[in-house]
N, C-alpha and C. Protein backbone atom coordinates (compact mmCIF):
# COMPACT_ATOMS: atom_id res chain seq x y z
N MET A 1 0.86 -1.15 -0.01
CA MET A 1 0.04 0.05 0.03
C MET A 1 0.89 1.26 -0.02
N ALA A 2 0.32 2.36 -0.42
CA ALA A 2 1.03 3.66 -0.37
C ALA A 2 1.02 4.17 1.06
N ALA A 3 1.89 4.99 1.34
CA ALA A 3 1.97 5.66 2.68
C ALA A 3 2.24 7.05 2.61
N ARG A 4 1.75 7.89 3.44
CA ARG A 4 2.04 9.32 3.55
C ARG A 4 2.92 9.49 4.78
N LEU A 5 4.09 10.10 4.53
CA LEU A 5 5.13 10.25 5.56
C LEU A 5 5.34 11.68 5.95
N HIS A 6 5.12 12.06 7.13
CA HIS A 6 5.38 13.35 7.67
C HIS A 6 6.73 13.44 8.36
N PHE A 7 7.53 14.37 7.94
CA PHE A 7 8.77 14.63 8.53
C PHE A 7 8.73 15.88 9.43
N ILE A 8 9.10 15.73 10.70
CA ILE A 8 9.23 16.85 11.61
C ILE A 8 10.70 17.05 11.75
N VAL A 9 11.26 18.14 11.27
CA VAL A 9 12.72 18.38 11.15
C VAL A 9 13.13 19.57 12.02
N GLU A 10 14.47 19.62 12.22
CA GLU A 10 15.05 20.60 13.15
C GLU A 10 15.07 22.00 12.53
N GLY A 11 15.36 22.10 11.30
CA GLY A 11 15.52 23.42 10.66
C GLY A 11 15.33 23.42 9.19
N GLN A 12 15.61 24.61 8.58
CA GLN A 12 15.38 24.80 7.18
C GLN A 12 16.26 23.95 6.30
N THR A 13 17.47 23.65 6.75
CA THR A 13 18.38 22.84 6.01
C THR A 13 17.84 21.41 5.82
N GLU A 14 17.35 20.83 6.94
CA GLU A 14 16.81 19.44 6.90
C GLU A 14 15.49 19.50 6.09
N GLU A 15 14.74 20.48 6.22
CA GLU A 15 13.47 20.59 5.49
C GLU A 15 13.71 20.57 3.96
N ALA A 16 14.76 21.35 3.55
CA ALA A 16 15.13 21.38 2.12
C ALA A 16 15.64 20.00 1.70
N PHE A 17 16.46 19.42 2.58
CA PHE A 17 17.03 18.09 2.26
C PHE A 17 15.88 17.02 2.01
N VAL A 18 14.93 17.06 2.84
CA VAL A 18 13.83 16.10 2.71
C VAL A 18 13.09 16.42 1.33
N ASN A 19 12.76 17.66 1.15
CA ASN A 19 12.00 18.05 -0.09
C ASN A 19 12.75 17.81 -1.40
N GLU A 20 14.04 18.07 -1.33
CA GLU A 20 14.84 18.07 -2.61
C GLU A 20 15.50 16.72 -2.82
N VAL A 21 15.81 15.94 -1.78
CA VAL A 21 16.53 14.72 -1.98
C VAL A 21 15.74 13.48 -1.61
N LEU A 22 15.14 13.48 -0.38
CA LEU A 22 14.47 12.30 0.06
C LEU A 22 13.08 12.15 -0.66
N ARG A 23 12.34 13.20 -0.75
CA ARG A 23 10.97 13.05 -1.24
C ARG A 23 10.91 12.47 -2.61
N PRO A 24 11.69 12.99 -3.60
CA PRO A 24 11.62 12.34 -5.02
C PRO A 24 11.99 10.79 -4.98
N HIS A 25 12.86 10.44 -4.12
CA HIS A 25 13.24 9.06 -4.01
C HIS A 25 12.12 8.21 -3.45
N LEU A 26 11.56 8.71 -2.33
CA LEU A 26 10.53 7.97 -1.63
C LEU A 26 9.28 7.88 -2.47
N GLU A 27 8.92 8.98 -3.15
CA GLU A 27 7.68 8.96 -3.96
C GLU A 27 7.79 7.98 -5.10
N SER A 28 8.91 7.55 -5.57
CA SER A 28 9.14 6.54 -6.57
C SER A 28 8.81 5.11 -5.97
N LEU A 29 8.73 5.12 -4.69
CA LEU A 29 8.33 3.84 -3.94
C LEU A 29 7.00 3.89 -3.28
N SER A 30 6.22 4.90 -3.73
CA SER A 30 4.82 5.07 -3.20
C SER A 30 4.79 5.57 -1.74
N VAL A 31 5.76 6.28 -1.32
CA VAL A 31 5.81 6.85 0.02
C VAL A 31 5.77 8.43 -0.24
N TRP A 32 4.67 8.96 0.12
CA TRP A 32 4.41 10.40 -0.24
C TRP A 32 4.74 11.27 0.91
N ALA A 33 5.83 12.06 0.82
CA ALA A 33 6.43 12.85 1.93
C ALA A 33 6.07 14.22 1.94
N ALA A 34 5.97 14.78 3.26
CA ALA A 34 5.82 16.19 3.48
C ALA A 34 6.67 16.54 4.70
N ALA A 35 7.17 17.74 4.75
CA ALA A 35 8.16 18.14 5.83
C ALA A 35 7.78 19.50 6.39
N ARG A 36 8.00 19.67 7.68
CA ARG A 36 7.95 20.97 8.19
C ARG A 36 8.92 21.05 9.45
N CYS A 37 9.37 22.22 9.69
CA CYS A 37 10.23 22.45 10.87
C CYS A 37 9.50 22.44 12.15
N VAL A 38 10.06 22.08 13.19
CA VAL A 38 9.38 22.14 14.52
C VAL A 38 9.05 23.61 14.80
N GLU A 39 7.91 23.71 15.47
CA GLU A 39 7.48 25.05 15.93
C GLU A 39 8.33 25.48 17.14
N THR A 40 8.74 26.70 17.05
CA THR A 40 9.61 27.20 18.19
C THR A 40 8.82 28.25 19.09
N THR A 41 8.16 29.21 18.42
CA THR A 41 7.38 30.21 19.18
C THR A 41 6.11 30.62 18.42
N ARG A 42 5.16 31.17 19.16
CA ARG A 42 4.01 31.79 18.55
C ARG A 42 3.97 33.22 19.13
N LYS A 43 3.96 34.22 18.24
CA LYS A 43 3.89 35.63 18.70
C LYS A 43 2.80 36.35 17.78
N ARG A 44 1.81 36.93 18.51
CA ARG A 44 0.80 37.70 17.81
C ARG A 44 0.15 36.84 16.73
N GLY A 45 -0.10 35.60 17.02
CA GLY A 45 -0.76 34.65 16.07
C GLY A 45 0.14 34.08 14.94
N GLN A 46 1.42 34.56 14.95
CA GLN A 46 2.24 34.01 13.92
C GLN A 46 3.12 32.89 14.49
N VAL A 47 3.27 31.81 13.71
CA VAL A 47 4.06 30.60 14.02
C VAL A 47 5.46 30.81 13.51
N HIS A 48 6.49 30.59 14.40
CA HIS A 48 7.82 30.66 13.92
C HIS A 48 8.44 29.21 14.10
N ARG A 49 9.17 28.83 13.13
CA ARG A 49 9.68 27.40 13.10
C ARG A 49 11.15 27.32 12.84
N GLY A 50 11.74 26.32 13.40
CA GLY A 50 13.22 26.06 13.19
C GLY A 50 14.01 26.18 14.42
N GLY A 51 14.80 25.18 14.62
CA GLY A 51 15.67 25.24 15.85
C GLY A 51 15.03 24.33 16.95
N LEU A 52 15.84 23.51 17.49
CA LEU A 52 15.28 22.52 18.55
C LEU A 52 15.82 22.98 19.83
N SER A 53 15.18 23.99 20.41
CA SER A 53 15.60 24.56 21.71
C SER A 53 15.00 23.83 22.92
N SER A 54 13.91 23.16 22.70
CA SER A 54 13.17 22.54 23.83
C SER A 54 12.43 21.31 23.34
N TYR A 55 12.63 20.12 23.95
CA TYR A 55 11.93 18.97 23.57
C TYR A 55 10.44 19.07 23.84
N THR A 56 10.17 19.76 24.92
CA THR A 56 8.76 19.88 25.26
C THR A 56 7.99 20.58 24.12
N LYS A 57 8.59 21.59 23.54
CA LYS A 57 7.91 22.22 22.39
C LYS A 57 7.82 21.33 21.18
N ALA A 58 8.95 20.60 20.98
CA ALA A 58 9.02 19.67 19.83
C ALA A 58 7.93 18.56 19.97
N LYS A 59 7.83 18.02 21.19
CA LYS A 59 6.82 16.97 21.35
C LYS A 59 5.40 17.52 21.15
N SER A 60 5.14 18.71 21.64
CA SER A 60 3.81 19.26 21.37
C SER A 60 3.48 19.38 19.93
N ASP A 61 4.52 19.75 19.08
CA ASP A 61 4.35 19.92 17.73
C ASP A 61 4.17 18.50 17.02
N ILE A 62 4.92 17.59 17.41
CA ILE A 62 4.74 16.23 16.89
C ILE A 62 3.40 15.60 17.19
N THR A 63 2.95 15.72 18.42
CA THR A 63 1.71 15.10 18.81
C THR A 63 0.50 15.86 18.19
N ALA A 64 0.69 17.16 18.03
CA ALA A 64 -0.37 17.96 17.36
C ALA A 64 -0.63 17.50 15.94
N TRP A 65 0.53 17.37 15.16
CA TRP A 65 0.43 16.86 13.82
C TRP A 65 -0.12 15.52 13.70
N MET A 66 0.23 14.64 14.69
CA MET A 66 -0.28 13.26 14.70
C MET A 66 -1.86 13.29 14.93
N SER A 67 -2.27 14.19 15.79
CA SER A 67 -3.72 14.37 16.04
C SER A 67 -4.46 14.82 14.88
N GLU A 68 -3.78 15.67 14.03
CA GLU A 68 -4.44 16.22 12.84
C GLU A 68 -4.59 15.14 11.82
N ASP A 69 -3.74 14.13 11.74
CA ASP A 69 -3.82 13.17 10.70
C ASP A 69 -3.79 11.74 11.40
N ARG A 70 -4.95 11.20 11.67
CA ARG A 70 -5.08 9.97 12.33
C ARG A 70 -5.27 8.77 11.31
N ASN A 71 -5.18 9.10 10.08
CA ASN A 71 -5.42 8.03 9.04
C ASN A 71 -4.40 6.90 9.15
N ALA A 72 -4.89 5.70 8.70
CA ALA A 72 -4.08 4.50 8.86
C ALA A 72 -2.87 4.51 8.01
N ASP A 73 -2.89 5.23 6.89
CA ASP A 73 -1.74 5.26 6.02
C ASP A 73 -0.68 6.37 6.33
N ALA A 74 -0.92 7.08 7.43
CA ALA A 74 0.02 8.17 7.82
C ALA A 74 1.10 7.63 8.69
N ARG A 75 2.25 8.07 8.44
CA ARG A 75 3.46 7.81 9.25
C ARG A 75 4.15 9.11 9.62
N PHE A 76 4.95 9.04 10.64
CA PHE A 76 5.58 10.27 11.17
C PHE A 76 7.06 9.93 11.51
N THR A 77 7.98 10.85 11.17
CA THR A 77 9.42 10.60 11.53
C THR A 77 10.03 11.98 11.87
N THR A 78 11.16 11.85 12.49
CA THR A 78 11.89 13.09 12.83
C THR A 78 13.24 13.14 12.12
N MET A 79 13.83 14.30 12.08
CA MET A 79 15.24 14.41 11.68
C MET A 79 15.87 15.56 12.54
N PHE A 80 16.31 15.15 13.79
CA PHE A 80 16.90 15.95 14.66
C PHE A 80 18.42 15.67 14.80
N ASP A 81 19.20 16.72 15.10
CA ASP A 81 20.62 16.49 15.30
C ASP A 81 20.93 16.06 16.71
N LEU A 82 21.90 15.08 16.79
CA LEU A 82 22.45 14.75 18.11
C LEU A 82 23.19 15.83 18.76
N TYR A 83 23.90 16.61 17.92
CA TYR A 83 24.70 17.78 18.33
C TYR A 83 23.80 18.80 18.93
N ALA A 84 24.01 19.23 20.15
CA ALA A 84 23.26 20.22 20.87
C ALA A 84 21.83 19.87 21.08
N LEU A 85 21.62 18.57 21.30
CA LEU A 85 20.17 18.10 21.59
C LEU A 85 19.78 18.67 22.93
N PRO A 86 18.52 19.19 23.04
CA PRO A 86 18.06 19.82 24.30
C PRO A 86 18.27 18.89 25.50
N GLY A 87 18.52 19.48 26.67
CA GLY A 87 18.77 18.76 27.90
C GLY A 87 17.51 18.01 28.31
N ASP A 88 16.31 18.49 27.93
CA ASP A 88 15.02 17.76 28.43
C ASP A 88 14.65 16.68 27.47
N PHE A 89 15.56 16.26 26.51
CA PHE A 89 15.16 15.21 25.55
C PHE A 89 15.04 13.87 26.30
N PRO A 90 14.12 13.03 26.01
CA PRO A 90 13.95 11.81 26.71
C PRO A 90 15.23 10.94 26.56
N GLY A 91 15.59 10.29 27.74
CA GLY A 91 16.68 9.51 27.81
C GLY A 91 18.00 10.21 28.02
N ASN A 92 18.07 11.54 27.87
CA ASN A 92 19.29 12.27 28.00
C ASN A 92 19.93 12.18 29.36
N GLU A 93 19.20 12.26 30.45
CA GLU A 93 19.71 12.21 31.74
C GLU A 93 20.40 10.82 32.03
N ASP A 94 20.00 9.80 31.45
CA ASP A 94 20.49 8.45 31.78
C ASP A 94 21.55 8.02 30.77
N LEU A 95 21.96 8.97 29.82
CA LEU A 95 22.87 8.56 28.79
C LEU A 95 24.28 8.66 29.18
N PRO A 96 25.09 7.60 29.12
CA PRO A 96 26.50 7.76 29.45
C PRO A 96 27.29 8.53 28.36
N LEU A 97 27.97 9.56 28.74
CA LEU A 97 28.69 10.36 27.81
C LEU A 97 29.76 9.61 27.10
N THR A 98 30.30 8.52 27.70
CA THR A 98 31.46 7.77 27.21
C THR A 98 31.02 6.62 26.23
N GLY A 99 29.66 6.51 26.07
CA GLY A 99 29.16 5.39 25.24
C GLY A 99 29.51 5.65 23.75
N HIS A 100 29.52 4.61 22.95
CA HIS A 100 29.74 4.71 21.49
C HIS A 100 28.61 5.54 20.91
N PRO A 101 28.95 6.39 19.92
CA PRO A 101 27.91 7.24 19.32
C PRO A 101 26.68 6.47 18.80
N TYR A 102 26.91 5.31 18.23
CA TYR A 102 25.77 4.50 17.66
C TYR A 102 24.88 3.95 18.77
N GLU A 103 25.50 3.58 19.91
CA GLU A 103 24.66 3.12 21.06
C GLU A 103 23.96 4.30 21.69
N ARG A 104 24.62 5.44 21.76
CA ARG A 104 23.93 6.58 22.37
C ARG A 104 22.74 7.01 21.57
N VAL A 105 22.87 7.16 20.24
CA VAL A 105 21.77 7.63 19.41
C VAL A 105 20.63 6.65 19.35
N ARG A 106 20.94 5.43 19.40
CA ARG A 106 19.86 4.45 19.37
C ARG A 106 19.02 4.39 20.74
N ALA A 107 19.80 4.64 21.78
CA ALA A 107 19.18 4.75 23.12
C ALA A 107 18.26 5.95 23.17
N LEU A 108 18.71 7.04 22.64
CA LEU A 108 17.84 8.20 22.52
C LEU A 108 16.59 8.02 21.69
N GLU A 109 16.81 7.38 20.56
CA GLU A 109 15.69 7.10 19.65
C GLU A 109 14.68 6.21 20.27
N ASP A 110 15.13 5.19 21.07
CA ASP A 110 14.19 4.32 21.75
C ASP A 110 13.44 5.02 22.83
N ALA A 111 14.16 5.97 23.55
CA ALA A 111 13.45 6.77 24.51
C ALA A 111 12.40 7.66 23.93
N LEU A 112 12.75 8.27 22.72
CA LEU A 112 11.81 9.13 22.04
C LEU A 112 10.54 8.27 21.54
N ARG A 113 10.84 7.07 21.04
CA ARG A 113 9.75 6.19 20.54
C ARG A 113 8.79 5.91 21.67
N LYS A 114 9.37 5.62 22.90
CA LYS A 114 8.53 5.27 24.04
C LYS A 114 7.74 6.57 24.53
N ASP A 115 8.34 7.70 24.49
CA ASP A 115 7.71 8.88 24.90
C ASP A 115 6.57 9.30 23.97
N ILE A 116 6.75 9.26 22.69
CA ILE A 116 5.65 9.52 21.76
C ILE A 116 4.57 8.47 21.79
N SER A 117 5.00 7.19 21.87
CA SER A 117 4.03 6.10 22.09
C SER A 117 2.94 6.02 21.02
N ASP A 118 3.40 5.90 19.80
CA ASP A 118 2.41 5.76 18.70
C ASP A 118 3.07 4.85 17.67
N PRO A 119 2.38 3.66 17.28
CA PRO A 119 3.03 2.78 16.35
C PRO A 119 3.31 3.35 15.01
N ARG A 120 2.75 4.51 14.64
CA ARG A 120 3.07 5.17 13.34
C ARG A 120 4.30 5.99 13.33
N PHE A 121 4.99 6.09 14.53
CA PHE A 121 6.14 7.06 14.65
C PHE A 121 7.36 6.28 14.54
N ILE A 122 8.28 6.90 13.73
CA ILE A 122 9.67 6.35 13.47
C ILE A 122 10.66 7.38 13.94
N PRO A 123 11.29 7.29 15.03
CA PRO A 123 12.19 8.28 15.51
C PRO A 123 13.55 8.23 14.74
N TYR A 124 14.16 9.38 14.46
CA TYR A 124 15.37 9.41 13.87
C TYR A 124 16.22 10.62 14.39
N ILE A 125 17.44 10.40 14.82
CA ILE A 125 18.39 11.40 15.25
C ILE A 125 19.61 11.30 14.44
N GLN A 126 19.97 12.39 13.79
CA GLN A 126 21.12 12.42 12.87
C GLN A 126 22.44 12.43 13.68
N LEU A 127 23.34 11.51 13.41
CA LEU A 127 24.68 11.54 13.99
C LEU A 127 25.67 12.42 13.11
N HIS A 128 26.31 13.34 13.67
CA HIS A 128 25.99 14.06 14.88
C HIS A 128 25.15 15.32 14.49
N GLU A 129 25.13 15.66 13.17
CA GLU A 129 24.31 16.65 12.63
C GLU A 129 24.25 16.53 11.09
N PHE A 130 23.32 17.29 10.48
CA PHE A 130 23.20 17.21 8.99
C PHE A 130 24.48 17.14 8.24
N GLU A 131 25.39 18.03 8.66
CA GLU A 131 26.62 18.22 7.83
C GLU A 131 27.50 16.96 7.80
N ALA A 132 27.30 16.03 8.70
CA ALA A 132 28.01 14.72 8.59
C ALA A 132 27.73 14.13 7.21
N LEU A 133 26.57 14.29 6.67
CA LEU A 133 26.22 13.71 5.32
C LEU A 133 27.08 14.31 4.29
N LEU A 134 27.40 15.59 4.38
CA LEU A 134 28.17 16.19 3.38
C LEU A 134 29.70 15.75 3.46
N LEU A 135 30.07 15.33 4.62
CA LEU A 135 31.45 14.78 4.73
C LEU A 135 31.55 13.38 4.26
N ALA A 136 30.43 12.73 3.77
CA ALA A 136 30.51 11.49 3.11
C ALA A 136 31.30 11.59 1.82
N ASP A 137 31.28 12.74 1.16
CA ASP A 137 32.10 13.03 -0.03
C ASP A 137 32.37 14.54 -0.08
N PRO A 138 33.35 15.07 0.74
CA PRO A 138 33.61 16.46 0.76
C PRO A 138 33.92 17.10 -0.57
N GLN A 139 34.42 16.28 -1.49
CA GLN A 139 34.83 16.88 -2.76
C GLN A 139 33.64 17.53 -3.50
N LYS A 140 32.45 17.02 -3.22
CA LYS A 140 31.25 17.59 -3.88
C LYS A 140 30.99 19.02 -3.42
N LEU A 141 31.57 19.43 -2.40
CA LEU A 141 31.42 20.85 -1.91
C LEU A 141 31.93 21.75 -2.98
N GLU A 142 32.94 21.39 -3.81
CA GLU A 142 33.52 22.18 -4.82
C GLU A 142 32.52 22.60 -5.87
N LYS A 143 31.44 21.83 -6.01
CA LYS A 143 30.37 22.24 -7.05
C LYS A 143 29.65 23.48 -6.60
N GLN A 144 29.65 23.79 -5.30
CA GLN A 144 28.98 25.03 -4.76
C GLN A 144 30.08 26.09 -4.33
N PHE A 145 31.24 25.60 -3.94
CA PHE A 145 32.29 26.44 -3.44
C PHE A 145 33.61 26.25 -4.23
N TYR A 146 33.56 26.58 -5.49
CA TYR A 146 34.61 26.20 -6.38
C TYR A 146 35.91 26.90 -6.10
N ASP A 147 35.91 27.99 -5.35
CA ASP A 147 37.13 28.71 -5.00
C ASP A 147 37.71 28.33 -3.67
N ARG A 148 37.22 27.23 -3.04
CA ARG A 148 37.73 26.84 -1.76
C ARG A 148 38.36 25.39 -1.91
N GLY A 149 38.99 25.11 -2.99
CA GLY A 149 39.60 23.84 -3.29
C GLY A 149 40.53 23.39 -2.14
N ALA A 150 41.47 24.26 -1.69
CA ALA A 150 42.44 23.86 -0.69
C ALA A 150 41.73 23.42 0.63
N GLY A 151 40.77 24.17 1.05
CA GLY A 151 40.06 23.90 2.27
C GLY A 151 39.19 22.57 2.11
N ILE A 152 38.67 22.37 0.90
CA ILE A 152 37.87 21.22 0.71
C ILE A 152 38.86 19.89 0.69
N GLN A 153 40.03 20.08 0.23
CA GLN A 153 41.00 18.98 0.28
C GLN A 153 41.35 18.68 1.68
N ARG A 154 41.43 19.67 2.61
CA ARG A 154 41.70 19.39 4.01
C ARG A 154 40.50 18.66 4.65
N LEU A 155 39.34 19.10 4.25
CA LEU A 155 38.07 18.42 4.78
C LEU A 155 38.09 16.96 4.32
N ALA A 156 38.41 16.71 3.14
CA ALA A 156 38.44 15.33 2.64
C ALA A 156 39.48 14.49 3.42
N ALA A 157 40.67 15.06 3.64
CA ALA A 157 41.69 14.40 4.34
C ALA A 157 41.27 14.09 5.77
N MET A 158 40.65 15.07 6.39
CA MET A 158 40.11 14.85 7.76
C MET A 158 39.03 13.75 7.76
N ALA A 159 38.12 13.82 6.88
CA ALA A 159 36.98 12.79 6.87
C ALA A 159 37.52 11.37 6.71
N SER A 160 38.63 11.27 5.84
CA SER A 160 39.15 9.92 5.49
C SER A 160 39.72 9.29 6.73
N GLY A 161 39.99 10.06 7.80
CA GLY A 161 40.47 9.43 9.05
C GLY A 161 39.43 8.81 9.91
N TYR A 162 38.15 8.91 9.50
CA TYR A 162 37.08 8.30 10.23
C TYR A 162 36.43 7.15 9.45
N LYS A 163 36.05 6.12 10.22
CA LYS A 163 35.36 4.96 9.59
C LYS A 163 34.09 5.41 8.88
N SER A 164 33.43 6.38 9.52
CA SER A 164 32.17 6.91 8.92
C SER A 164 32.15 8.41 9.33
N PRO A 165 31.64 9.28 8.47
CA PRO A 165 31.43 10.74 8.82
C PRO A 165 30.44 10.80 9.98
N GLU A 166 29.63 9.86 10.23
CA GLU A 166 28.69 10.00 11.38
C GLU A 166 29.44 9.97 12.73
N LEU A 167 30.73 9.59 12.72
CA LEU A 167 31.51 9.52 13.88
C LEU A 167 32.31 10.77 14.19
N ILE A 168 32.25 11.72 13.26
CA ILE A 168 32.93 13.03 13.45
C ILE A 168 32.19 13.69 14.58
N ASN A 169 32.91 14.16 15.60
CA ASN A 169 32.32 14.38 16.88
C ASN A 169 31.52 15.68 17.00
N GLU A 170 31.01 15.92 18.25
CA GLU A 170 30.15 16.98 18.47
C GLU A 170 30.65 18.10 19.37
N GLY A 171 32.01 18.30 19.27
CA GLY A 171 32.57 19.39 20.01
C GLY A 171 32.10 20.77 19.45
N ASN A 172 32.20 21.80 20.34
CA ASN A 172 31.80 23.15 19.84
C ASN A 172 32.57 23.60 18.61
N GLU A 173 33.87 23.13 18.46
CA GLU A 173 34.66 23.58 17.36
C GLU A 173 34.94 22.47 16.36
N THR A 174 34.52 21.23 16.68
CA THR A 174 34.90 20.08 15.82
C THR A 174 33.72 19.31 15.30
N ALA A 175 32.44 19.86 15.55
CA ALA A 175 31.29 19.16 15.00
C ALA A 175 31.38 19.32 13.42
N PRO A 176 30.67 18.55 12.64
CA PRO A 176 30.82 18.56 11.22
C PRO A 176 30.57 19.93 10.63
N SER A 177 29.51 20.68 11.07
CA SER A 177 29.29 22.03 10.53
C SER A 177 30.43 23.02 10.88
N LYS A 178 30.99 22.86 12.10
CA LYS A 178 32.04 23.70 12.46
C LYS A 178 33.32 23.46 11.62
N ARG A 179 33.54 22.25 11.24
CA ARG A 179 34.68 21.96 10.51
C ARG A 179 34.57 22.46 9.02
N ILE A 180 33.36 22.39 8.48
CA ILE A 180 33.05 22.90 7.20
C ILE A 180 33.18 24.43 7.16
N ILE A 181 32.62 25.08 8.10
CA ILE A 181 32.67 26.54 8.25
C ILE A 181 34.02 26.98 8.44
N GLY A 182 34.87 26.24 9.13
CA GLY A 182 36.30 26.55 9.33
C GLY A 182 37.03 26.70 8.02
N GLU A 183 36.70 25.80 7.02
CA GLU A 183 37.33 25.82 5.74
C GLU A 183 36.55 26.63 4.71
N ILE A 184 35.24 26.69 4.88
CA ILE A 184 34.36 27.47 3.96
C ILE A 184 33.47 28.42 4.79
N PRO A 185 34.00 29.56 5.20
CA PRO A 185 33.20 30.43 6.10
C PRO A 185 31.88 30.84 5.55
N GLU A 186 31.70 30.95 4.23
CA GLU A 186 30.47 31.36 3.68
C GLU A 186 29.37 30.32 3.75
N TYR A 187 29.76 29.06 4.07
CA TYR A 187 28.76 28.01 4.17
C TYR A 187 27.78 28.29 5.32
N ASP A 188 28.30 29.06 6.31
CA ASP A 188 27.42 29.39 7.53
C ASP A 188 26.16 30.12 7.14
N GLY A 189 26.23 31.01 6.17
CA GLY A 189 25.04 31.73 5.67
C GLY A 189 24.31 31.16 4.57
N LEU A 190 24.85 30.04 4.07
CA LEU A 190 24.20 29.40 2.87
C LEU A 190 23.80 27.99 3.13
N LYS A 191 24.01 27.48 4.39
CA LYS A 191 23.71 26.05 4.63
C LYS A 191 22.38 25.58 4.18
N ALA A 192 21.29 26.37 4.42
CA ALA A 192 19.95 25.87 4.11
C ALA A 192 19.78 25.68 2.56
N SER A 193 20.47 26.36 1.72
CA SER A 193 20.39 26.20 0.31
C SER A 193 21.48 25.33 -0.25
N ALA A 194 22.75 25.54 0.12
CA ALA A 194 23.89 24.82 -0.38
C ALA A 194 23.94 23.44 0.14
N GLY A 195 23.62 23.17 1.44
CA GLY A 195 23.79 21.84 1.99
C GLY A 195 22.99 20.78 1.30
N PRO A 196 21.58 21.03 1.02
CA PRO A 196 20.87 19.94 0.35
C PRO A 196 21.33 19.80 -1.10
N ILE A 197 21.84 20.87 -1.74
CA ILE A 197 22.33 20.71 -3.08
C ILE A 197 23.53 19.85 -3.17
N VAL A 198 24.47 20.08 -2.22
CA VAL A 198 25.67 19.19 -2.12
C VAL A 198 25.28 17.77 -1.80
N ALA A 199 24.37 17.59 -0.93
CA ALA A 199 23.83 16.23 -0.60
C ALA A 199 23.32 15.55 -1.81
N SER A 200 22.60 16.27 -2.70
CA SER A 200 22.07 15.71 -3.88
C SER A 200 23.21 15.30 -4.84
N TYR A 201 24.25 16.04 -4.94
CA TYR A 201 25.43 15.77 -5.71
C TYR A 201 26.04 14.38 -5.24
N ILE A 202 26.15 14.35 -3.95
CA ILE A 202 26.71 13.07 -3.36
C ILE A 202 25.89 11.90 -3.67
N GLY A 203 24.55 12.05 -3.51
CA GLY A 203 23.60 11.01 -3.84
C GLY A 203 23.36 9.96 -2.72
N LEU A 204 22.15 9.48 -2.76
CA LEU A 204 21.65 8.59 -1.68
C LEU A 204 22.42 7.31 -1.62
N PRO A 205 22.91 6.64 -2.76
CA PRO A 205 23.71 5.47 -2.60
C PRO A 205 25.01 5.61 -1.67
N THR A 206 25.69 6.77 -1.97
CA THR A 206 26.89 7.06 -1.19
C THR A 206 26.53 7.40 0.25
N LEU A 207 25.52 8.14 0.46
CA LEU A 207 25.09 8.47 1.85
C LEU A 207 24.74 7.24 2.61
N ARG A 208 24.02 6.28 1.93
CA ARG A 208 23.62 5.10 2.54
C ARG A 208 24.89 4.22 2.96
N SER A 209 25.80 4.18 2.07
CA SER A 209 26.91 3.28 2.25
C SER A 209 27.95 3.85 3.28
N LYS A 210 28.11 5.16 3.33
CA LYS A 210 29.10 5.78 4.21
C LYS A 210 28.50 6.07 5.54
N CYS A 211 27.16 6.20 5.64
CA CYS A 211 26.54 6.60 6.89
C CYS A 211 25.52 5.51 7.39
N ALA A 212 25.99 4.57 8.14
CA ALA A 212 25.22 3.43 8.47
C ALA A 212 23.89 3.73 9.21
N HIS A 213 23.93 4.67 10.08
CA HIS A 213 22.66 4.98 10.83
C HIS A 213 21.66 5.65 9.92
N PHE A 214 22.13 6.56 9.09
CA PHE A 214 21.28 7.13 8.16
C PHE A 214 20.69 6.08 7.13
N GLY A 215 21.55 5.14 6.78
CA GLY A 215 21.16 4.06 5.84
C GLY A 215 20.04 3.22 6.46
N GLU A 216 20.14 2.94 7.75
CA GLU A 216 19.13 2.06 8.41
C GLU A 216 17.79 2.78 8.37
N TRP A 217 17.83 4.08 8.65
CA TRP A 217 16.58 4.90 8.65
C TRP A 217 15.97 4.93 7.23
N LEU A 218 16.79 5.13 6.21
CA LEU A 218 16.27 5.23 4.86
C LEU A 218 15.72 3.88 4.49
N ASP A 219 16.37 2.78 4.89
CA ASP A 219 15.79 1.43 4.58
C ASP A 219 14.41 1.34 5.15
N GLU A 220 14.26 1.77 6.37
CA GLU A 220 12.89 1.66 7.10
C GLU A 220 11.84 2.54 6.37
N LEU A 221 12.25 3.73 5.91
CA LEU A 221 11.28 4.58 5.22
C LEU A 221 10.87 4.01 3.83
N GLU A 222 11.88 3.42 3.18
CA GLU A 222 11.59 2.91 1.88
C GLU A 222 10.60 1.71 1.95
N GLN A 223 10.52 1.00 3.05
CA GLN A 223 9.66 -0.12 3.25
C GLN A 223 8.20 0.25 3.53
N LEU A 224 8.01 1.57 3.82
CA LEU A 224 6.65 1.95 4.18
C LEU A 224 5.67 1.87 3.02
N GLY A 225 6.13 1.82 1.80
CA GLY A 225 5.32 1.76 0.67
C GLY A 225 4.54 0.41 0.64
N ASP A 226 5.00 -0.67 1.30
CA ASP A 226 4.28 -1.86 1.38
C ASP A 226 4.03 -2.31 2.78
N ALA A 227 4.12 -1.38 3.77
CA ALA A 227 3.87 -1.67 5.15
C ALA A 227 2.30 -1.90 5.39
N PRO A 228 1.94 -2.71 6.37
CA PRO A 228 0.52 -2.90 6.59
C PRO A 228 -0.06 -1.68 7.23
N ALA A 229 -1.36 -1.43 7.16
CA ALA A 229 -2.01 -0.28 7.74
C ALA A 229 -1.84 -0.32 9.25
N GLY A 230 -1.72 0.87 9.86
CA GLY A 230 -1.77 0.99 11.28
C GLY A 230 -0.45 1.16 12.02
N GLY A 231 0.66 0.77 11.23
CA GLY A 231 1.91 0.90 11.97
C GLY A 231 2.99 0.41 10.92
N SER A 232 4.30 0.86 11.20
CA SER A 232 5.34 0.43 10.38
C SER A 232 5.78 -0.96 10.70
N ARG A 233 6.52 -1.59 9.74
CA ARG A 233 6.93 -3.02 9.91
C ARG A 233 8.05 -3.10 10.90
């Protein structure tokens, strides 16, 4: 059967990535996708979206969207960064800081699944943030930043030292986005547009093979096209 998949994402970069990269691929498998950023504030009747400053607010947005669409063919997923995850996120207090990143992110996703408690919900947290996907093939950054060749070569050399770009850490100066901005300062103001374009140049086959956690999530989303009604497989 076909499925309608709602993405609740952290910011405009992830929203554009879903719309420009994931949605065309998923729709070829009868998974019809829609994305929106989490709500952050409401002022004078206007809704402002983008940025995961509080899990409480994010949960309210997730559950509200789920209440709006109770149809059996509806599914819901997230795309939140592990980097700078809010302190009130479920499972955060019990998480050992010394654990392996894959163990940590799966523990957080399990806690999120239990907290939302809906069989239609598929939690996903990006290790360690969206820009890790771009470091799956840093050379593709040259298609958007052609005059930053030397810096991009340094990024490629750095990324080659990791088994996966998902393992590039979450330090204030060493998170994936910080490393890219360190070599390409203009990326900071262009990430919402340039990031998804670079990801599209890299392509889902490379992202899947280089980023195991992302690949597992994509596998699960792809299977929704023939999942039974009422919950994912």
